[in-house]
Amino acid sequence: MGSSGWLLRDGAVMCATEVADSFAARARGLLGRDGIDGALLLPRTRAVHTLGMRFAVDVAFLDRSMTVLETQTLVPWRVTVPRVRARAVLEAEAGAFERWGLQAGDRLELRAHP
């Protein structure tokens, strides 16, 4: 994958986050995995799919300021419609966003691991 860091909301750490910072890493995403601890950030992404995935994922579409525009849960073998205002997508195992209380309007921040 690429770099990693902490995902924060209002200064509080929500989870560890991997960043898919290359075209190949974004194309691979979570394919081939049985799950993920934390989340995966896909910069420069407006739509995602779960074709060939082994588990359902929570998906958050983020604007250029990392504000959550919309969230949804995708089961395997689904495709999202591209979101025009989205500049990144955050993925986590289904149920994670509910546990974290993540919702539309939340402003996120990615901070590098020390």
PDB file of N, CA and C in Angstrom:
ATOM      1  N   MET A   1       0.873  -1.167   0.000  1.00  0.00           N
ATOM      2  CA  MET A   1       0.000   0.000   0.000  1.00  0.00           C
ATOM      3  C   MET A   1       0.909   1.215   0.000  1.00  0.00           C
ATOM      4  N   GLY A   2       0.480   2.288   0.497  1.00  0.00           N
ATOM      5  CA  GLY A   2       1.294   3.498   0.510  1.00  0.00           C
ATOM      6  C   GLY A   2       1.604   3.911   1.929  1.00  0.00           C
ATOM      7  N   SER A   3       1.398   5.158   2.211  1.00  0.00           N
ATOM      8  CA  SER A   3       1.667   5.683   3.543  1.00  0.00           C
ATOM      9  C   SER A   3       0.540   5.312   4.499  1.00  0.00           C
ATOM     10  N   SER A   4       0.740   5.640   5.757  1.00  0.00           N
ATOM     11  CA  SER A   4      -0.297   5.370   6.748  1.00  0.00           C
ATOM     12  C   SER A   4      -0.294   6.487   7.778  1.00  0.00           C
ATOM     13  N   GLY A   5      -1.361   6.550   8.538  1.00  0.00           N
ATOM     14  CA  GLY A   5      -1.473   7.577   9.561  1.00  0.00           C
ATOM     15  C   GLY A   5      -2.684   7.342  10.429  1.00  0.00           C
ATOM     16  N   TRP A   6      -3.032   8.356  11.186  1.00  0.00           N
ATOM     17  CA  TRP A   6      -4.213   8.315  12.050  1.00  0.00           C
ATOM     18  C   TRP A   6      -5.301   9.165  11.419  1.00  0.00           C
ATOM     19  N   LEU A   7      -6.518   8.678  11.437  1.00  0.00           N
ATOM     20  CA  LEU A   7      -7.663   9.452  10.975  1.00  0.00           C
ATOM     21  C   LEU A   7      -8.295  10.106  12.193  1.00  0.00           C
ATOM     22  N   LEU A   8      -8.420  11.436  12.140  1.00  0.00           N
ATOM     23  CA  LEU A   8      -8.963  12.188  13.271  1.00  0.00           C
ATOM     24  C   LEU A   8     -10.246  12.900  12.884  1.00  0.00           C
ATOM     25  N   ARG A   9     -11.103  13.070  13.883  1.00  0.00           N
ATOM     26  CA  ARG A   9     -12.304  13.912  13.772  1.00  0.00           C
ATOM     27  C   ARG A   9     -12.336  14.758  15.031  1.00  0.00           C
ATOM     28  N   ASP A  10     -12.410  16.055  14.864  1.00  0.00           N
ATOM     29  CA  ASP A  10     -12.410  16.985  16.002  1.00  0.00           C
ATOM     30  C   ASP A  10     -11.212  16.760  16.920  1.00  0.00           C
ATOM     31  N   GLY A  11     -10.065  16.440  16.330  1.00  0.00           N
ATOM     32  CA  GLY A  11      -8.839  16.259  17.097  1.00  0.00           C
ATOM     33  C   GLY A  11      -8.694  14.917  17.779  1.00  0.00           C
ATOM     34  N   ALA A  12      -9.721  14.068  17.709  1.00  0.00           N
ATOM     35  CA  ALA A  12      -9.673  12.756  18.356  1.00  0.00           C
ATOM     36  C   ALA A  12      -9.406  11.666  17.316  1.00  0.00           C
ATOM     37  N   VAL A  13      -8.531  10.729  17.658  1.00  0.00           N
ATOM     38  CA  VAL A  13      -8.202   9.631  16.751  1.00  0.00           C
ATOM     39  C   VAL A  13      -9.391   8.685  16.625  1.00  0.00           C
ATOM     40  N   MET A  14      -9.782   8.424  15.377  1.00  0.00           N
ATOM     41  CA  MET A  14     -10.845   7.444  15.106  1.00  0.00           C
ATOM     42  C   MET A  14     -10.250   6.073  14.823  1.00  0.00           C
ATOM     43  N   CYS A  15      -9.175   6.039  13.988  1.00  0.00           N
ATOM     44  CA  CYS A  15      -8.604   4.756  13.600  1.00  0.00           C
ATOM     45  C   CYS A  15      -7.280   4.955  12.880  1.00  0.00           C
ATOM     46  N   ALA A  16      -6.540   3.862  12.746  1.00  0.00           N
ATOM     47  CA  ALA A  16      -5.351   3.838  11.888  1.00  0.00           C
ATOM     48  C   ALA A  16      -5.852   3.787  10.445  1.00  0.00           C
ATOM     49  N   THR A  17      -5.130   4.450   9.547  1.00  0.00           N
ATOM     50  CA  THR A  17      -5.577   4.539   8.165  1.00  0.00           C
ATOM     51  C   THR A  17      -4.419   4.322   7.203  1.00  0.00           C
ATOM     52  N   GLU A  18      -4.643   3.446   6.231  1.00  0.00           N
ATOM     53  CA  GLU A  18      -3.697   3.260   5.139  1.00  0.00           C
ATOM     54  C   GLU A  18      -4.112   4.208   4.019  1.00  0.00           C
ATOM     55  N   VAL A  19      -3.136   4.700   3.263  1.00  0.00           N
ATOM     56  CA  VAL A  19      -3.429   5.582   2.139  1.00  0.00           C
ATOM     57  C   VAL A  19      -2.975   4.897   0.856  1.00  0.00           C
ATOM     58  N   ALA A  20      -3.901   4.732  -0.068  1.00  0.00           N
ATOM     59  CA  ALA A  20      -3.590   4.156  -1.377  1.00  0.00           C
ATOM     60  C   ALA A  20      -3.139   5.309  -2.264  1.00  0.00           C
ATOM     61  N   ASP A  21      -1.831   5.609  -2.218  1.00  0.00           N
ATOM     62  CA  ASP A  21      -1.362   6.828  -2.860  1.00  0.00           C
ATOM     63  C   ASP A  21      -0.772   6.638  -4.256  1.00  0.00           C
ATOM     64  N   SER A  22      -1.034   5.514  -4.880  1.00  0.00           N
ATOM     65  CA  SER A  22      -0.636   5.312  -6.277  1.00  0.00           C
ATOM     66  C   SER A  22      -1.828   4.761  -7.043  1.00  0.00           C
ATOM     67  N   PHE A  23      -1.764   4.849  -8.362  1.00  0.00           N
ATOM     68  CA  PHE A  23      -2.854   4.315  -9.176  1.00  0.00           C
ATOM     69  C   PHE A  23      -3.042   2.824  -8.906  1.00  0.00           C
ATOM     70  N   ALA A  24      -1.942   2.072  -8.853  1.00  0.00           N
ATOM     71  CA  ALA A  24      -2.022   0.631  -8.615  1.00  0.00           C
ATOM     72  C   ALA A  24      -2.641   0.327  -7.253  1.00  0.00           C
ATOM     73  N   ALA A  25      -2.256   1.069  -6.227  1.00  0.00           N
ATOM     74  CA  ALA A  25      -2.801   0.845  -4.883  1.00  0.00           C
ATOM     75  C   ALA A  25      -4.289   1.169  -4.839  1.00  0.00           C
ATOM     76  N   ARG A  26      -4.704   2.238  -5.533  1.00  0.00           N
ATOM     77  CA  ARG A  26      -6.139   2.573  -5.582  1.00  0.00           C
ATOM     78  C   ARG A  26      -6.907   1.498  -6.343  1.00  0.00           C
ATOM     79  N   ALA A  27      -6.342   1.007  -7.439  1.00  0.00           N
ATOM     80  CA  ALA A  27      -7.017  -0.030  -8.231  1.00  0.00           C
ATOM     81  C   ALA A  27      -7.162  -1.323  -7.428  1.00  0.00           C
ATOM     82  N   ARG A  28      -6.161  -1.664  -6.633  1.00  0.00           N
ATOM     83  CA  ARG A  28      -6.197  -2.887  -5.822  1.00  0.00           C
ATOM     84  C   ARG A  28      -7.124  -2.713  -4.625  1.00  0.00           C
ATOM     85  N   GLY A  29      -7.084  -1.540  -3.985  1.00  0.00           N
ATOM     86  CA  GLY A  29      -7.952  -1.279  -2.842  1.00  0.00           C
ATOM     87  C   GLY A  29      -7.882  -2.372  -1.804  1.00  0.00           C
ATOM     88  N   LEU A  30      -9.023  -2.916  -1.433  1.00  0.00           N
ATOM     89  CA  LEU A  30      -9.102  -3.972  -0.423  1.00  0.00           C
ATOM     90  C   LEU A  30      -9.256  -5.367  -1.032  1.00  0.00           C
ATOM     91  N   LEU A  31      -9.103  -5.466  -2.344  1.00  0.00           N
ATOM     92  CA  LEU A  31      -9.224  -6.770  -3.006  1.00  0.00           C
ATOM     93  C   LEU A  31      -8.195  -7.752  -2.463  1.00  0.00           C
ATOM     94  N   GLY A  32      -8.630  -8.990  -2.265  1.00  0.00           N
ATOM     95  CA  GLY A  32      -7.740 -10.037  -1.786  1.00  0.00           C
ATOM     96  C   GLY A  32      -7.603 -10.102  -0.280  1.00  0.00           C
ATOM     97  N   ARG A  33      -8.211  -9.181   0.418  1.00  0.00           N
ATOM     98  CA  ARG A  33      -8.142  -9.181   1.882  1.00  0.00           C
ATOM     99  C   ARG A  33      -9.392  -9.823   2.474  1.00  0.00           C
ATOM    100  N   ASP A  34      -9.228 -10.312   3.699  1.00  0.00           N
ATOM    101  CA  ASP A  34     -10.365 -10.866   4.431  1.00  0.00           C
ATOM    102  C   ASP A  34     -10.983  -9.841   5.372  1.00  0.00           C
ATOM    103  N   GLY A  35     -10.384  -8.668   5.476  1.00  0.00           N
ATOM    104  CA  GLY A  35     -10.879  -7.602   6.343  1.00  0.00           C
ATOM    105  C   GLY A  35      -9.827  -6.519   6.451  1.00  0.00           C
ATOM    106  N   ILE A  36     -10.115  -5.512   7.259  1.00  0.00           N
ATOM    107  CA  ILE A  36      -9.161  -4.434   7.504  1.00  0.00           C
ATOM    108  C   ILE A  36      -9.382  -3.900   8.915  1.00  0.00           C
ATOM    109  N   ASP A  37      -8.278  -3.709   9.613  1.00  0.00           N
ATOM    110  CA  ASP A  37      -8.323  -3.019  10.907  1.00  0.00           C
ATOM    111  C   ASP A  37      -8.124  -1.550  10.595  1.00  0.00           C
ATOM    112  N   GLY A  38      -9.061  -0.719  10.921  1.00  0.00           N
ATOM    113  CA  GLY A  38      -8.965   0.698  10.602  1.00  0.00           C
ATOM    114  C   GLY A  38      -9.643   0.998   9.280  1.00  0.00           C
ATOM    115  N   ALA A  39      -8.982   1.819   8.449  1.00  0.00           N
ATOM    116  CA  ALA A  39      -9.614   2.265   7.209  1.00  0.00           C
ATOM    117  C   ALA A  39      -8.587   2.399   6.099  1.00  0.00           C
ATOM    118  N   LEU A  40      -9.091   2.527   4.884  1.00  0.00           N
ATOM    119  CA  LEU A  40      -8.275   2.766   3.699  1.00  0.00           C
ATOM    120  C   LEU A  40      -8.766   4.045   3.048  1.00  0.00           C
ATOM    121  N   LEU A  41      -7.848   4.989   2.821  1.00  0.00           N
ATOM    122  CA  LEU A  41      -8.176   6.243   2.154  1.00  0.00           C
ATOM    123  C   LEU A  41      -7.722   6.155   0.705  1.00  0.00           C
ATOM    124  N   LEU A  42      -8.660   6.452  -0.205  1.00  0.00           N
ATOM    125  CA  LEU A  42      -8.390   6.417  -1.641  1.00  0.00           C
ATOM    126  C   LEU A  42      -8.463   7.842  -2.185  1.00  0.00           C
ATOM    127  N   PRO A  43      -7.317   8.550  -2.241  1.00  0.00           N
ATOM    128  CA  PRO A  43      -7.333   9.913  -2.782  1.00  0.00           C
ATOM    129  C   PRO A  43      -7.665   9.897  -4.268  1.00  0.00           C
ATOM    130  N   ARG A  44      -8.116  11.031  -4.781  1.00  0.00           N
ATOM    131  CA  ARG A  44      -8.421  11.179  -6.209  1.00  0.00           C
ATOM    132  C   ARG A  44      -9.380  10.098  -6.701  1.00  0.00           C
ATOM    133  N   THR A  45     -10.406   9.812  -5.883  1.00  0.00           N
ATOM    134  CA  THR A  45     -11.381   8.767  -6.197  1.00  0.00           C
ATOM    135  C   THR A  45     -12.785   9.313  -6.003  1.00  0.00           C
ATOM    136  N   ARG A  46     -13.670   9.021  -6.950  1.00  0.00           N
ATOM    137  CA  ARG A  46     -15.057   9.489  -6.877  1.00  0.00           C
ATOM    138  C   ARG A  46     -16.081   8.360  -6.831  1.00  0.00           C
ATOM    139  N   ALA A  47     -15.635   7.137  -7.103  1.00  0.00           N
ATOM    140  CA  ALA A  47     -16.526   5.975  -7.088  1.00  0.00           C
ATOM    141  C   ALA A  47     -15.689   4.748  -6.751  1.00  0.00           C
ATOM    142  N   VAL A  48     -16.327   3.744  -6.181  1.00  0.00           N
ATOM    143  CA  VAL A  48     -15.640   2.495  -5.844  1.00  0.00           C
ATOM    144  C   VAL A  48     -16.534   1.319  -6.190  1.00  0.00           C
ATOM    145  N   HIS A  49     -15.947   0.126  -6.135  1.00  0.00           N
ATOM    146  CA  HIS A  49     -16.722  -1.099  -6.360  1.00  0.00           C
ATOM    147  C   HIS A  49     -16.283  -2.147  -5.354  1.00  0.00           C
ATOM    148  N   THR A  50     -17.113  -3.173  -5.210  1.00  0.00           N
ATOM    149  CA  THR A  50     -16.764  -4.299  -4.349  1.00  0.00           C
ATOM    150  C   THR A  50     -16.773  -5.595  -5.159  1.00  0.00           C
ATOM    151  N   LEU A  51     -16.486  -5.492  -6.444  1.00  0.00           N
ATOM    152  CA  LEU A  51     -16.423  -6.670  -7.306  1.00  0.00           C
ATOM    153  C   LEU A  51     -15.258  -7.547  -6.860  1.00  0.00           C
ATOM    154  N   GLY A  52     -15.553  -8.790  -6.512  1.00  0.00           N
ATOM    155  CA  GLY A  52     -14.523  -9.708  -6.068  1.00  0.00           C
ATOM    156  C   GLY A  52     -14.130  -9.573  -4.601  1.00  0.00           C
ATOM    157  N   MET A  53     -14.794  -8.676  -3.870  1.00  0.00           N
ATOM    158  CA  MET A  53     -14.457  -8.484  -2.456  1.00  0.00           C
ATOM    159  C   MET A  53     -15.027  -9.625  -1.617  1.00  0.00           C
ATOM    160  N   ARG A  54     -14.368  -9.872  -0.480  1.00  0.00           N
ATOM    161  CA  ARG A  54     -14.767 -10.960   0.418  1.00  0.00           C
ATOM    162  C   ARG A  54     -15.629 -10.491   1.576  1.00  0.00           C
ATOM    163  N   PHE A  55     -15.823  -9.167   1.700  1.00  0.00           N
ATOM    164  CA  PHE A  55     -16.583  -8.636   2.837  1.00  0.00           C
ATOM    165  C   PHE A  55     -17.239  -7.322   2.444  1.00  0.00           C
ATOM    166  N   ALA A  56     -18.276  -6.952   3.176  1.00  0.00           N
ATOM    167  CA  ALA A  56     -18.975  -5.683   2.939  1.00  0.00           C
ATOM    168  C   ALA A  56     -18.150  -4.543   3.533  1.00  0.00           C
ATOM    169  N   VAL A  57     -18.287  -3.356   2.936  1.00  0.00           N
ATOM    170  CA  VAL A  57     -17.530  -2.190   3.398  1.00  0.00           C
ATOM    171  C   VAL A  57     -18.434  -0.986   3.605  1.00  0.00           C
ATOM    172  N   ASP A  58     -18.055  -0.161   4.563  1.00  0.00           N
ATOM    173  CA  ASP A  58     -18.631   1.180   4.705  1.00  0.00           C
ATOM    174  C   ASP A  58     -17.802   2.093   3.808  1.00  0.00           C
ATOM    175  N   VAL A  59     -18.470   2.994   3.107  1.00  0.00           N
ATOM    176  CA  VAL A  59     -17.819   3.909   2.172  1.00  0.00           C
ATOM    177  C   VAL A  59     -18.240   5.330   2.521  1.00  0.00           C
ATOM    178  N   ALA A  60     -17.256   6.234   2.617  1.00  0.00           N
ATOM    179  CA  ALA A  60     -17.545   7.655   2.829  1.00  0.00           C
ATOM    180  C   ALA A  60     -16.916   8.437   1.680  1.00  0.00           C
ATOM    181  N   PHE A  61     -17.713   9.266   1.039  1.00  0.00           N
ATOM    182  CA  PHE A  61     -17.227  10.144  -0.017  1.00  0.00           C
ATOM    183  C   PHE A  61     -16.818  11.464   0.637  1.00  0.00           C
ATOM    184  N   LEU A  62     -15.588  11.921   0.350  1.00  0.00           N
ATOM    185  CA  LEU A  62     -15.030  13.108   0.988  1.00  0.00           C
ATOM    186  C   LEU A  62     -14.774  14.194  -0.040  1.00  0.00           C
ATOM    187  N   ASP A  63     -15.015  15.452   0.344  1.00  0.00           N
ATOM    188  CA  ASP A  63     -14.697  16.564  -0.560  1.00  0.00           C
ATOM    189  C   ASP A  63     -13.229  16.959  -0.377  1.00  0.00           C
ATOM    190  N   ARG A  64     -12.801  18.038  -1.043  1.00  0.00           N
ATOM    191  CA  ARG A  64     -11.375  18.407  -0.989  1.00  0.00           C
ATOM    192  C   ARG A  64     -10.922  18.845   0.392  1.00  0.00           C
ATOM    193  N   SER A  65     -11.832  19.218   1.285  1.00  0.00           N
ATOM    194  CA  SER A  65     -11.436  19.588   2.652  1.00  0.00           C
ATOM    195  C   SER A  65     -11.585  18.411   3.616  1.00  0.00           C
ATOM    196  N   MET A  66     -11.807  17.206   3.069  1.00  0.00           N
ATOM    197  CA  MET A  66     -11.968  15.972   3.855  1.00  0.00           C
ATOM    198  C   MET A  66     -13.245  15.994   4.694  1.00  0.00           C
ATOM    199  N   THR A  67     -14.261  16.698   4.212  1.00  0.00           N
ATOM    200  CA  THR A  67     -15.569  16.674   4.859  1.00  0.00           C
ATOM    201  C   THR A  67     -16.380  15.542   4.246  1.00  0.00           C
ATOM    202  N   VAL A  68     -17.044  14.760   5.080  1.00  0.00           N
ATOM    203  CA  VAL A  68     -17.848  13.635   4.607  1.00  0.00           C
ATOM    204  C   VAL A  68     -19.090  14.168   3.902  1.00  0.00           C
ATOM    205  N   LEU A  69     -19.233  13.813   2.631  1.00  0.00           N
ATOM    206  CA  LEU A  69     -20.402  14.209   1.848  1.00  0.00           C
ATOM    207  C   LEU A  69     -21.550  13.228   2.031  1.00  0.00           C
ATOM    208  N   GLU A  70     -21.205  11.944   2.087  1.00  0.00           N
ATOM    209  CA  GLU A  70     -22.219  10.887   2.143  1.00  0.00           C
ATOM    210  C   GLU A  70     -21.547   9.599   2.575  1.00  0.00           C
ATOM    211  N   THR A  71     -22.295   8.745   3.252  1.00  0.00           N
ATOM    212  CA  THR A  71     -21.799   7.414   3.599  1.00  0.00           C
ATOM    213  C   THR A  71     -22.787   6.373   3.106  1.00  0.00           C
ATOM    214  N   GLN A  72     -22.282   5.178   2.868  1.00  0.00           N
ATOM    215  CA  GLN A  72     -23.146   4.054   2.518  1.00  0.00           C
ATOM    216  C   GLN A  72     -22.393   2.765   2.791  1.00  0.00           C
ATOM    217  N   THR A  73     -23.134   1.672   2.856  1.00  0.00           N
ATOM    218  CA  THR A  73     -22.540   0.354   3.025  1.00  0.00           C
ATOM    219  C   THR A  73     -22.731  -0.415   1.731  1.00  0.00           C
ATOM    220  N   LEU A  74     -21.653  -1.048   1.272  1.00  0.00           N
ATOM    221  CA  LEU A  74     -21.692  -1.829   0.039  1.00  0.00           C
ATOM    222  C   LEU A  74     -21.403  -3.289   0.356  1.00  0.00           C
ATOM    223  N   VAL A  75     -22.273  -4.168  -0.088  1.00  0.00           N
ATOM    224  CA  VAL A  75     -22.000  -5.593   0.007  1.00  0.00           C
ATOM    225  C   VAL A  75     -21.151  -5.975  -1.213  1.00  0.00           C
ATOM    226  N   PRO A  76     -20.517  -7.162  -1.195  1.00  0.00           N
ATOM    227  CA  PRO A  76     -19.727  -7.564  -2.362  1.00  0.00           C
ATOM    228  C   PRO A  76     -20.545  -7.558  -3.657  1.00  0.00           C
ATOM    229  N   TRP A  77     -19.831  -7.252  -4.738  1.00  0.00           N
ATOM    230  CA  TRP A  77     -20.361  -7.239  -6.095  1.00  0.00           C
ATOM    231  C   TRP A  77     -21.295  -6.065  -6.372  1.00  0.00           C
ATOM    232  N   ARG A  78     -20.962  -4.910  -5.806  1.00  0.00           N
ATOM    233  CA  ARG A  78     -21.728  -3.686  -6.068  1.00  0.00           C
ATOM    234  C   ARG A  78     -20.788  -2.604  -6.587  1.00  0.00           C
ATOM    235  N   VAL A  79     -21.361  -1.581  -7.230  1.00  0.00           N
ATOM    236  CA  VAL A  79     -20.614  -0.444  -7.762  1.00  0.00           C
ATOM    237  C   VAL A  79     -21.343   0.829  -7.351  1.00  0.00           C
ATOM    238  N   THR A  80     -20.601   1.851  -6.933  1.00  0.00           N
ATOM    239  CA  THR A  80     -21.231   3.124  -6.590  1.00  0.00           C
ATOM    240  C   THR A  80     -21.308   4.018  -7.826  1.00  0.00           C
ATOM    241  N   VAL A  81     -22.184   4.968  -7.766  1.00  0.00           N
ATOM    242  CA  VAL A  81     -22.277   6.010  -8.784  1.00  0.00           C
ATOM    243  C   VAL A  81     -21.211   7.052  -8.437  1.00  0.00           C
ATOM    244  N   PRO A  82     -20.479   7.571  -9.414  1.00  0.00           N
ATOM    245  CA  PRO A  82     -19.481   8.604  -9.102  1.00  0.00           C
ATOM    246  C   PRO A  82     -20.132   9.831  -8.465  1.00  0.00           C
ATOM    247  N   ARG A  83     -19.462  10.379  -7.443  1.00  0.00           N
ATOM    248  CA  ARG A  83     -19.926  11.593  -6.782  1.00  0.00           C
ATOM    249  C   ARG A  83     -19.094  12.752  -7.316  1.00  0.00           C
ATOM    250  N   VAL A  84     -19.729  13.698  -7.988  1.00  0.00           N
ATOM    251  CA  VAL A  84     -19.039  14.796  -8.653  1.00  0.00           C
ATOM    252  C   VAL A  84     -18.173  15.597  -7.688  1.00  0.00           C
ATOM    253  N   ARG A  85     -18.661  15.873  -6.488  1.00  0.00           N
ATOM    254  CA  ARG A  85     -17.915  16.699  -5.525  1.00  0.00           C
ATOM    255  C   ARG A  85     -16.865  15.923  -4.742  1.00  0.00           C
ATOM    256  N   ALA A  86     -16.875  14.595  -4.846  1.00  0.00           N
ATOM    257  CA  ALA A  86     -15.924  13.783  -4.079  1.00  0.00           C
ATOM    258  C   ALA A  86     -14.517  13.911  -4.646  1.00  0.00           C
ATOM    259  N   ARG A  87     -13.552  13.968  -3.738  1.00  0.00           N
ATOM    260  CA  ARG A  87     -12.142  14.007  -4.111  1.00  0.00           C
ATOM    261  C   ARG A  87     -11.371  12.850  -3.488  1.00  0.00           C
ATOM    262  N   ALA A  88     -12.045  12.102  -2.611  1.00  0.00           N
ATOM    263  CA  ALA A  88     -11.440  10.937  -1.972  1.00  0.00           C
ATOM    264  C   ALA A  88     -12.563  10.051  -1.437  1.00  0.00           C
ATOM    265  N   VAL A  89     -12.210   8.790  -1.209  1.00  0.00           N
ATOM    266  CA  VAL A  89     -13.158   7.843  -0.625  1.00  0.00           C
ATOM    267  C   VAL A  89     -12.456   7.153   0.542  1.00  0.00           C
ATOM    268  N   LEU A  90     -13.184   6.996   1.634  1.00  0.00           N
ATOM    269  CA  LEU A  90     -12.700   6.275   2.804  1.00  0.00           C
ATOM    270  C   LEU A  90     -13.467   4.971   2.897  1.00  0.00           C
ATOM    271  N   GLU A  91     -12.748   3.855   3.036  1.00  0.00           N
ATOM    272  CA  GLU A  91     -13.383   2.545   3.168  1.00  0.00           C
ATOM    273  C   GLU A  91     -12.989   1.898   4.490  1.00  0.00           C
ATOM    274  N   ALA A  92     -13.938   1.195   5.089  1.00  0.00           N
ATOM    275  CA  ALA A  92     -13.697   0.427   6.315  1.00  0.00           C
ATOM    276  C   ALA A  92     -14.645  -0.763   6.301  1.00  0.00           C
ATOM    277  N   GLU A  93     -14.399  -1.733   7.172  1.00  0.00           N
ATOM    278  CA  GLU A  93     -15.317  -2.868   7.254  1.00  0.00           C
ATOM    279  C   GLU A  93     -16.702  -2.382   7.626  1.00  0.00           C
ATOM    280  N   ALA A  94     -17.719  -3.017   7.064  1.00  0.00           N
ATOM    281  CA  ALA A  94     -19.101  -2.653   7.351  1.00  0.00           C
ATOM    282  C   ALA A  94     -19.335  -2.658   8.860  1.00  0.00           C
ATOM    283  N   GLY A  95     -19.982  -1.610   9.342  1.00  0.00           N
ATOM    284  CA  GLY A  95     -20.267  -1.458  10.765  1.00  0.00           C
ATOM    285  C   GLY A  95     -19.302  -0.520  11.468  1.00  0.00           C
ATOM    286  N   ALA A  96     -18.137  -0.267  10.854  1.00  0.00           N
ATOM    287  CA  ALA A  96     -17.136   0.596  11.492  1.00  0.00           C
ATOM    288  C   ALA A  96     -17.641   2.029  11.637  1.00  0.00           C
ATOM    289  N   PHE A  97     -18.276   2.567  10.595  1.00  0.00           N
ATOM    290  CA  PHE A  97     -18.731   3.957  10.658  1.00  0.00           C
ATOM    291  C   PHE A  97     -19.756   4.147  11.768  1.00  0.00           C
ATOM    292  N   GLU A  98     -20.613   3.160  11.956  1.00  0.00           N
ATOM    293  CA  GLU A  98     -21.599   3.257  13.040  1.00  0.00           C
ATOM    294  C   GLU A  98     -20.894   3.254  14.393  1.00  0.00           C
ATOM    295  N   ARG A  99     -19.898   2.380  14.561  1.00  0.00           N
ATOM    296  CA  ARG A  99     -19.133   2.339  15.822  1.00  0.00           C
ATOM    297  C   ARG A  99     -18.405   3.652  16.069  1.00  0.00           C
ATOM    298  N   TRP A 100     -17.880   4.267  15.015  1.00  0.00           N
ATOM    299  CA  TRP A 100     -17.134   5.520  15.144  1.00  0.00           C
ATOM    300  C   TRP A 100     -18.043   6.736  15.187  1.00  0.00           C
ATOM    301  N   GLY A 101     -19.328   6.555  14.853  1.00  0.00           N
ATOM    302  CA  GLY A 101     -20.247   7.684  14.805  1.00  0.00           C
ATOM    303  C   GLY A 101     -19.990   8.592  13.610  1.00  0.00           C
ATOM    304  N   LEU A 102     -19.388   8.066  12.552  1.00  0.00           N
ATOM    305  CA  LEU A 102     -19.068   8.855  11.363  1.00  0.00           C
ATOM    306  C   LEU A 102     -20.328   9.134  10.562  1.00  0.00           C
ATOM    307  N   GLN A 103     -20.504  10.392  10.153  1.00  0.00           N
ATOM    308  CA  GLN A 103     -21.699  10.759   9.391  1.00  0.00           C
ATOM    309  C   GLN A 103     -21.408  11.939   8.479  1.00  0.00           C
ATOM    310  N   ALA A 104     -22.323  12.193   7.559  1.00  0.00           N
ATOM    311  CA  ALA A 104     -22.190  13.317   6.638  1.00  0.00           C
ATOM    312  C   ALA A 104     -22.004  14.610   7.424  1.00  0.00           C
ATOM    313  N   GLY A 105     -21.097  15.457   6.937  1.00  0.00           N
ATOM    314  CA  GLY A 105     -20.807  16.726   7.592  1.00  0.00           C
ATOM    315  C   GLY A 105     -19.578  16.679   8.490  1.00  0.00           C
ATOM    316  N   ASP A 106     -19.136  15.478   8.899  1.00  0.00           N
ATOM    317  CA  ASP A 106     -17.935  15.363   9.729  1.00  0.00           C
ATOM    318  C   ASP A 106     -16.718  15.794   8.919  1.00  0.00           C
ATOM    319  N   ARG A 107     -15.849  16.572   9.540  1.00  0.00           N
ATOM    320  CA  ARG A 107     -14.598  16.984   8.892  1.00  0.00           C
ATOM    321  C   ARG A 107     -13.473  16.140   9.466  1.00  0.00           C
ATOM    322  N   LEU A 108     -12.760  15.477   8.583  1.00  0.00           N
ATOM    323  CA  LEU A 108     -11.697  14.547   8.983  1.00  0.00           C
ATOM    324  C   LEU A 108     -10.331  15.145   8.718  1.00  0.00           C
ATOM    325  N   GLU A 109      -9.338  14.547   9.378  1.00  0.00           N
ATOM    326  CA  GLU A 109      -7.952  14.957   9.194  1.00  0.00           C
ATOM    327  C   GLU A 109      -7.093  13.707   9.218  1.00  0.00           C
ATOM    328  N   LEU A 110      -6.099  13.651   8.367  1.00  0.00           N
ATOM    329  CA  LEU A 110      -5.155  12.543   8.365  1.00  0.00           C
ATOM    330  C   LEU A 110      -3.836  13.047   8.935  1.00  0.00           C
ATOM    331  N   ARG A 111      -3.365  12.396   9.968  1.00  0.00           N
ATOM    332  CA  ARG A 111      -2.099  12.784  10.604  1.00  0.00           C
ATOM    333  C   ARG A 111      -1.137  11.609  10.528  1.00  0.00           C
ATOM    334  N   ALA A 112       0.076  11.875  10.109  1.00  0.00           N
ATOM    335  CA  ALA A 112       1.092  10.825   9.983  1.00  0.00           C
ATOM    336  C   ALA A 112       1.397  10.214  11.346  1.00  0.00           C
ATOM    337  N   HIS A 113       1.743   8.921  11.326  1.00  0.00           N
ATOM    338  CA  HIS A 113       2.200   8.279  12.563  1.00  0.00           C
ATOM    339  C   HIS A 113       3.489   8.945  13.013  1.00  0.00           C
ATOM    340  N   PRO A 114       3.660   9.152  14.314  1.00  0.00           N
ATOM    341  CA  PRO A 114       4.912   9.780  14.805  1.00  0.00           C
ATOM    342  C   PRO A 114       6.108   8.865  14.623  1.00  0.00           C
TER     343      PRO A 114
END
